[in-house]
Amino acid sequence: MDEAALRQLLDDVVAGATDPDEAVARLRRLPFADLGYARVDHHRALRGGVAEAVYGPGKTPEQCAGVVAELLASPGGPVVLTRADDAQRDAALAVAPGGVLTATGRTSLVC
């Protein structure tokens, strides 16, 4: 979640468009989610202005897809998967079919 998404959530609560309990559930995901194999930092965009990137080496394709899915579950912009091999990329793109692969650095932009 980035600053704009947080402000929108708060505005939605004030306007009655979002139930306070729903807002609490969304905020509970901050600052991180522990997936057992990775700690996903949902608070990074608020602290530094840029969302967390997913580093592929050392992760299974399923783990890459899991981290990407977790990041995409919260508003905050695109997800970047770096140094991913073909299997990792394919698994991540399966949870976000609109993603784009760049050849440089084996980086995928998963939106």
C-alpha atoms as a PDB file:
ATOM      1  CA  MET A   1       0.000   0.000   0.000  1.00  0.00           C
ATOM      2  CA  ASP A   2       1.376   3.380  -0.944  1.00  0.00           C
ATOM      3  CA  GLU A   3       0.461   6.794   0.457  1.00  0.00           C
ATOM      4  CA  ALA A   4      -2.176   7.464  -2.208  1.00  0.00           C
ATOM      5  CA  ALA A   5      -3.883   4.122  -1.533  1.00  0.00           C
ATOM      6  CA  LEU A   6      -3.846   4.767   2.219  1.00  0.00           C
ATOM      7  CA  ARG A   7      -5.358   8.222   1.744  1.00  0.00           C
ATOM      8  CA  GLN A   8      -8.015   6.764  -0.567  1.00  0.00           C
ATOM      9  CA  LEU A   9      -8.871   4.092   2.005  1.00  0.00           C
ATOM     10  CA  LEU A  10      -9.259   6.731   4.721  1.00  0.00           C
ATOM     11  CA  ASP A  11     -11.353   8.941   2.425  1.00  0.00           C
ATOM     12  CA  ASP A  12     -13.564   5.942   1.620  1.00  0.00           C
ATOM     13  CA  VAL A  13     -14.125   5.297   5.331  1.00  0.00           C
ATOM     14  CA  VAL A  14     -15.016   8.955   5.934  1.00  0.00           C
ATOM     15  CA  ALA A  15     -17.390   8.942   2.940  1.00  0.00           C
ATOM     16  CA  GLY A  16     -19.028   5.706   4.085  1.00  0.00           C
ATOM     17  CA  ALA A  17     -17.943   3.825   0.955  1.00  0.00           C
ATOM     18  CA  THR A  18     -15.768   1.444   2.994  1.00  0.00           C
ATOM     19  CA  ASP A  19     -16.789  -0.146   6.265  1.00  0.00           C
ATOM     20  CA  PRO A  20     -14.328   0.577   9.105  1.00  0.00           C
ATOM     21  CA  ASP A  21     -13.986  -3.172   9.765  1.00  0.00           C
ATOM     22  CA  GLU A  22     -12.979  -3.718   6.142  1.00  0.00           C
ATOM     23  CA  ALA A  23     -10.427  -0.908   6.450  1.00  0.00           C
ATOM     24  CA  VAL A  24      -8.994  -2.504   9.590  1.00  0.00           C
ATOM     25  CA  ALA A  25      -8.723  -5.844   7.777  1.00  0.00           C
ATOM     26  CA  ARG A  26      -6.824  -4.175   4.929  1.00  0.00           C
ATOM     27  CA  LEU A  27      -4.532  -2.301   7.315  1.00  0.00           C
ATOM     28  CA  ARG A  28      -3.863  -5.461   9.300  1.00  0.00           C
ATOM     29  CA  ARG A  29      -1.802  -6.666   6.342  1.00  0.00           C
ATOM     30  CA  LEU A  30       0.634  -3.857   7.124  1.00  0.00           C
ATOM     31  CA  PRO A  31       3.532  -3.758   7.583  1.00  0.00           C
ATOM     32  CA  PHE A  32       4.271  -7.294   6.354  1.00  0.00           C
ATOM     33  CA  ALA A  33       2.793 -10.705   5.612  1.00  0.00           C
ATOM     34  CA  ASP A  34       4.700 -13.817   6.666  1.00  0.00           C
ATOM     35  CA  LEU A  35       4.188 -16.498   4.021  1.00  0.00           C
ATOM     36  CA  GLY A  36       6.481 -18.970   5.782  1.00  0.00           C
ATOM     37  CA  TYR A  37       9.049 -18.810   2.998  1.00  0.00           C
ATOM     38  CA  ALA A  38       9.088 -15.017   2.590  1.00  0.00           C
ATOM     39  CA  ARG A  39       8.133 -11.922   4.541  1.00  0.00           C
ATOM     40  CA  VAL A  40       6.326  -9.622   2.145  1.00  0.00           C
ATOM     41  CA  ASP A  41       6.848  -5.969   3.011  1.00  0.00           C
ATOM     42  CA  HIS A  42       3.564  -4.155   2.372  1.00  0.00           C
ATOM     43  CA  HIS A  43       4.826  -1.048   4.141  1.00  0.00           C
ATOM     44  CA  ARG A  44       7.863  -0.387   1.928  1.00  0.00           C
ATOM     45  CA  ALA A  45       6.010   1.959  -0.428  1.00  0.00           C
ATOM     46  CA  LEU A  46       4.840   4.079   2.518  1.00  0.00           C
ATOM     47  CA  ARG A  47       8.365   4.258   3.974  1.00  0.00           C
ATOM     48  CA  GLY A  48      10.363   4.717   0.794  1.00  0.00           C
ATOM     49  CA  GLY A  49       7.968   5.609  -1.987  1.00  0.00           C
ATOM     50  CA  VAL A  50       8.702   2.460  -3.997  1.00  0.00           C
ATOM     51  CA  ALA A  51       7.055  -0.932  -3.589  1.00  0.00           C
ATOM     52  CA  GLU A  52       9.029  -4.072  -2.810  1.00  0.00           C
ATOM     53  CA  ALA A  53      10.603  -6.017  -5.682  1.00  0.00           C
ATOM     54  CA  VAL A  54      10.549  -9.818  -5.725  1.00  0.00           C
ATOM     55  CA  TYR A  55      14.052 -11.295  -6.076  1.00  0.00           C
ATOM     56  CA  GLY A  56      13.807 -14.624  -7.911  1.00  0.00           C
ATOM     57  CA  PRO A  57      17.039 -16.497  -7.053  1.00  0.00           C
ATOM     58  CA  GLY A  58      16.587 -18.967  -4.222  1.00  0.00           C
ATOM     59  CA  LYS A  59      12.811 -19.154  -4.613  1.00  0.00           C
ATOM     60  CA  THR A  60      10.772 -21.871  -6.277  1.00  0.00           C
ATOM     61  CA  PRO A  61       8.398 -20.880  -9.061  1.00  0.00           C
ATOM     62  CA  GLU A  62       5.495 -21.417  -6.654  1.00  0.00           C
ATOM     63  CA  GLN A  63       7.101 -19.142  -4.075  1.00  0.00           C
ATOM     64  CA  CYS A  64       7.626 -16.401  -6.667  1.00  0.00           C
ATOM     65  CA  ALA A  65       3.975 -16.689  -7.672  1.00  0.00           C
ATOM     66  CA  GLY A  66       2.910 -16.615  -4.020  1.00  0.00           C
ATOM     67  CA  VAL A  67       4.861 -13.449  -3.251  1.00  0.00           C
ATOM     68  CA  VAL A  68       3.601 -11.758  -6.419  1.00  0.00           C
ATOM     69  CA  ALA A  69       0.005 -12.730  -5.583  1.00  0.00           C
ATOM     70  CA  GLU A  70       0.409 -11.388  -2.033  1.00  0.00           C
ATOM     71  CA  LEU A  71       1.752  -8.064  -3.299  1.00  0.00           C
ATOM     72  CA  LEU A  72      -0.995  -7.777  -5.903  1.00  0.00           C
ATOM     73  CA  ALA A  73      -3.656  -8.432  -3.242  1.00  0.00           C
ATOM     74  CA  SER A  74      -2.948  -4.982  -1.797  1.00  0.00           C
ATOM     75  CA  PRO A  75      -3.239  -1.779  -3.785  1.00  0.00           C
ATOM     76  CA  GLY A  76       0.024  -0.012  -4.336  1.00  0.00           C
ATOM     77  CA  GLY A  77       1.136  -0.244  -7.898  1.00  0.00           C
ATOM     78  CA  PRO A  78       3.002  -2.688 -10.062  1.00  0.00           C
ATOM     79  CA  VAL A  79       5.099  -5.586  -8.815  1.00  0.00           C
ATOM     80  CA  VAL A  80       8.586  -6.171 -10.187  1.00  0.00           C
ATOM     81  CA  LEU A  81      10.032  -9.702 -10.306  1.00  0.00           C
ATOM     82  CA  THR A  82      13.810  -9.586 -10.830  1.00  0.00           C
ATOM     83  CA  ARG A  83      16.431 -12.123 -11.912  1.00  0.00           C
ATOM     84  CA  ALA A  84      13.705 -14.693 -12.544  1.00  0.00           C
ATOM     85  CA  ASP A  85      14.242 -17.800 -14.617  1.00  0.00           C
ATOM     86  CA  ASP A  86      11.633 -18.990 -17.118  1.00  0.00           C
ATOM     87  CA  ALA A  87       9.772 -21.218 -14.635  1.00  0.00           C
ATOM     88  CA  GLN A  88       9.614 -18.473 -11.998  1.00  0.00           C
ATOM     89  CA  ARG A  89       8.444 -15.939 -14.553  1.00  0.00           C
ATOM     90  CA  ASP A  90       5.783 -18.261 -15.963  1.00  0.00           C
ATOM     91  CA  ALA A  91       4.442 -19.026 -12.477  1.00  0.00           C
ATOM     92  CA  ALA A  92       4.297 -15.333 -11.565  1.00  0.00           C
ATOM     93  CA  LEU A  93       2.664 -14.375 -14.845  1.00  0.00           C
ATOM     94  CA  ALA A  94       0.049 -17.106 -14.272  1.00  0.00           C
ATOM     95  CA  VAL A  95      -1.251 -15.167 -11.245  1.00  0.00           C
ATOM     96  CA  ALA A  96      -1.081 -11.895 -13.204  1.00  0.00           C
ATOM     97  CA  PRO A  97      -1.535 -12.622 -16.919  1.00  0.00           C
ATOM     98  CA  GLY A  98      -1.135  -8.942 -17.853  1.00  0.00           C
ATOM     99  CA  GLY A  99       2.511  -8.953 -16.813  1.00  0.00           C
ATOM    100  CA  VAL A 100       5.320  -7.959 -19.151  1.00  0.00           C
ATOM    101  CA  LEU A 101       8.758  -9.553 -19.486  1.00  0.00           C
ATOM    102  CA  THR A 102      11.852  -7.536 -20.276  1.00  0.00           C
ATOM    103  CA  ALA A 103      14.935  -9.346 -21.518  1.00  0.00           C
ATOM    104  CA  THR A 104      17.326  -7.116 -19.600  1.00  0.00           C
ATOM    105  CA  GLY A 105      18.112  -8.630 -16.225  1.00  0.00           C
ATOM    106  CA  ARG A 106      15.338 -11.202 -16.561  1.00  0.00           C
ATOM    107  CA  THR A 107      12.919  -8.705 -15.042  1.00  0.00           C
ATOM    108  CA  SER A 108       9.138  -9.010 -15.236  1.00  0.00           C
ATOM    109  CA  LEU A 109       6.694  -6.223 -14.520  1.00  0.00           C
ATOM    110  CA  VAL A 110       3.634  -7.900 -13.071  1.00  0.00           C
ATOM    111  CA  CYS A 111       0.650  -5.546 -12.797  1.00  0.00           C
END
